[in-house]
C-alpha atoms as a PDB file:
ATOM      1  CA  MET A   1      13.796  -2.672 -18.820  1.00  0.00           C
ATOM      2  CA  THR A   2      17.164  -2.990 -17.108  1.00  0.00           C
ATOM      3  CA  THR A   3      16.321  -6.567 -16.044  1.00  0.00           C
ATOM      4  CA  ALA A   4      15.135  -7.489 -19.534  1.00  0.00           C
ATOM      5  CA  SER A   5      18.325  -6.037 -21.053  1.00  0.00           C
ATOM      6  CA  GLN A   6      20.567  -8.002 -18.685  1.00  0.00           C
ATOM      7  CA  GLN A   7      18.651 -11.278 -19.032  1.00  0.00           C
ATOM      8  CA  VAL A   8      18.541 -11.137 -22.838  1.00  0.00           C
ATOM      9  CA  ALA A   9      22.246 -10.315 -23.046  1.00  0.00           C
ATOM     10  CA  GLY A  10      23.029 -13.249 -20.727  1.00  0.00           C
ATOM     11  CA  ALA A  11      20.810 -15.679 -22.565  1.00  0.00           C
ATOM     12  CA  LEU A  12      22.314 -14.715 -25.937  1.00  0.00           C
ATOM     13  CA  GLY A  13      25.831 -14.653 -24.669  1.00  0.00           C
ATOM     14  CA  LYS A  14      26.364 -11.171 -26.031  1.00  0.00           C
ATOM     15  CA  PRO A  15      27.568  -7.923 -24.381  1.00  0.00           C
ATOM     16  CA  GLU A  16      24.728  -5.863 -23.068  1.00  0.00           C
ATOM     17  CA  ARG A  17      26.008  -2.954 -25.111  1.00  0.00           C
ATOM     18  CA  TYR A  18      24.514  -4.594 -28.155  1.00  0.00           C
ATOM     19  CA  VAL A  19      21.082  -5.257 -26.572  1.00  0.00           C
ATOM     20  CA  MET A  20      18.196  -2.842 -27.151  1.00  0.00           C
ATOM     21  CA  VAL A  21      14.936  -3.084 -25.197  1.00  0.00           C
ATOM     22  CA  SER A  22      11.760  -1.151 -26.006  1.00  0.00           C
ATOM     23  CA  ILE A  23       8.456  -1.305 -24.161  1.00  0.00           C
ATOM     24  CA  GLN A  24       5.346   0.190 -25.630  1.00  0.00           C
ATOM     25  CA  ALA A  25       2.613   0.304 -23.053  1.00  0.00           C
ATOM     26  CA  SER A  26      -1.019   1.128 -23.605  1.00  0.00           C
ATOM     27  CA  VAL A  27      -1.122  -0.331 -27.106  1.00  0.00           C
ATOM     28  CA  ALA A  28      -4.676  -1.329 -28.134  1.00  0.00           C
ATOM     29  CA  MET A  29      -4.455  -5.100 -28.586  1.00  0.00           C
ATOM     30  CA  LEU A  30      -6.622  -8.186 -28.253  1.00  0.00           C
ATOM     31  CA  PHE A  31      -5.408 -11.773 -27.851  1.00  0.00           C
ATOM     32  CA  GLY A  32      -8.003 -14.467 -28.158  1.00  0.00           C
ATOM     33  CA  GLY A  33     -10.722 -11.819 -28.210  1.00  0.00           C
ATOM     34  CA  GLN A  34      -9.711 -10.479 -24.805  1.00  0.00           C
ATOM     35  CA  GLY A  35      -7.982  -7.329 -23.805  1.00  0.00           C
ATOM     36  CA  THR A  36      -6.548  -8.688 -20.529  1.00  0.00           C
ATOM     37  CA  PRO A  37      -2.799  -8.238 -20.101  1.00  0.00           C
ATOM     38  CA  LEU A  38      -0.783  -9.629 -22.984  1.00  0.00           C
ATOM     39  CA  ALA A  39       2.588  -9.150 -24.667  1.00  0.00           C
ATOM     40  CA  TYR A  40       3.903  -9.489 -28.163  1.00  0.00           C
ATOM     41  CA  LEU A  41       7.697  -9.725 -28.118  1.00  0.00           C
ATOM     42  CA  GLU A  42      10.226  -9.558 -30.928  1.00  0.00           C
ATOM     43  CA  LEU A  43      13.740 -10.890 -30.377  1.00  0.00           C
ATOM     44  CA  LYS A  44      16.086 -10.247 -33.304  1.00  0.00           C
ATOM     45  CA  SER A  45      19.736 -11.235 -33.118  1.00  0.00           C
ATOM     46  CA  ILE A  46      22.672 -11.953 -35.337  1.00  0.00           C
ATOM     47  CA  GLY A  47      23.424 -15.660 -35.216  1.00  0.00           C
ATOM     48  CA  LEU A  48      20.210 -16.598 -33.375  1.00  0.00           C
ATOM     49  CA  GLN A  49      19.896 -20.402 -33.545  1.00  0.00           C
ATOM     50  CA  GLU A  50      16.512 -22.202 -33.722  1.00  0.00           C
ATOM     51  CA  SER A  51      17.755 -24.446 -30.935  1.00  0.00           C
ATOM     52  CA  GLN A  52      17.872 -21.356 -28.582  1.00  0.00           C
ATOM     53  CA  SER A  53      14.178 -20.466 -29.033  1.00  0.00           C
ATOM     54  CA  THR A  54      12.813 -22.805 -26.340  1.00  0.00           C
ATOM     55  CA  GLU A  55      15.153 -21.567 -23.611  1.00  0.00           C
ATOM     56  CA  LEU A  56      14.663 -17.931 -24.680  1.00  0.00           C
ATOM     57  CA  SER A  57      10.900 -18.409 -24.758  1.00  0.00           C
ATOM     58  CA  ALA A  58      10.924 -19.760 -21.176  1.00  0.00           C
ATOM     59  CA  MET A  59      13.113 -16.879 -19.956  1.00  0.00           C
ATOM     60  CA  LEU A  60      11.018 -14.187 -21.673  1.00  0.00           C
ATOM     61  CA  CYS A  61       7.727 -15.684 -20.498  1.00  0.00           C
ATOM     62  CA  GLN A  62       9.064 -15.748 -16.923  1.00  0.00           C
ATOM     63  CA  LEU A  63      10.082 -12.072 -17.260  1.00  0.00           C
ATOM     64  CA  MET A  64       6.543 -11.274 -18.483  1.00  0.00           C
ATOM     65  CA  ASN A  65       5.062 -13.277 -15.523  1.00  0.00           C
ATOM     66  CA  ASP A  66       7.002 -10.968 -13.242  1.00  0.00           C
ATOM     67  CA  TYR A  67       4.916  -8.200 -14.744  1.00  0.00           C
ATOM     68  CA  ALA A  68       1.652 -10.037 -14.265  1.00  0.00           C
ATOM     69  CA  ILE A  69       1.304 -11.231 -17.896  1.00  0.00           C
ATOM     70  CA  PRO A  70       0.629 -15.000 -17.962  1.00  0.00           C
ATOM     71  CA  SER A  71       2.798 -17.100 -20.319  1.00  0.00           C
ATOM     72  CA  ASP A  72      -0.247 -18.158 -22.318  1.00  0.00           C
ATOM     73  CA  ARG A  73      -0.845 -14.459 -23.139  1.00  0.00           C
ATOM     74  CA  VAL A  74       2.626 -14.019 -24.671  1.00  0.00           C
ATOM     75  CA  TYR A  75       3.615 -14.394 -28.290  1.00  0.00           C
ATOM     76  CA  ILE A  76       7.299 -14.153 -29.227  1.00  0.00           C
ATOM     77  CA  GLU A  77       8.697 -13.733 -32.729  1.00  0.00           C
ATOM     78  CA  PHE A  78      12.338 -14.848 -33.071  1.00  0.00           C
ATOM     79  CA  THR A  79      14.395 -13.632 -36.012  1.00  0.00           C
ATOM     80  CA  ASP A  80      17.962 -14.472 -36.955  1.00  0.00           C
ATOM     81  CA  ALA A  81      19.279 -11.295 -38.607  1.00  0.00           C
ATOM     82  CA  PRO A  82      22.035 -11.671 -41.252  1.00  0.00           C
ATOM     83  CA  ARG A  83      25.079  -9.598 -40.418  1.00  0.00           C
ATOM     84  CA  LYS A  84      24.904  -7.556 -43.610  1.00  0.00           C
ATOM     85  CA  MET A  85      21.246  -6.673 -42.876  1.00  0.00           C
ATOM     86  CA  TRP A  86      21.932  -5.217 -39.478  1.00  0.00           C
ATOM     87  CA  GLY A  87      23.302  -1.667 -39.450  1.00  0.00           C
ATOM     88  CA  TRP A  88      25.200   0.000 -36.667  1.00  0.00           C
ATOM     89  CA  ASN A  89      27.646   2.830 -36.162  1.00  0.00           C
ATOM     90  CA  GLY A  90      27.663   3.793 -39.861  1.00  0.00           C
ATOM     91  CA  GLY A  91      28.176   0.312 -41.182  1.00  0.00           C
ATOM     92  CA  THR A  92      26.938  -3.250 -40.811  1.00  0.00           C
ATOM     93  CA  PHE A  93      28.121  -6.204 -38.764  1.00  0.00           C
END
């Protein structure tokens, strides 16, 4: 998770203190009718640009490859979060 946190922060150009990583292992999932290793990733960020998605997809898929999950077994959902819809520290951004 440390590697993922560092890489995502770097790719987004944001301080790592604002990056949160969660991994849920052993979730019952099928992809294409098969239960072989797979990943569903969500990347939500304030100010995420559509133009960043290709580079981020490549970086995240490579990270998953490092954990023996082939790129064609990875789905990634990118979401640009509006500042007022993202809470932190008793307020919003």
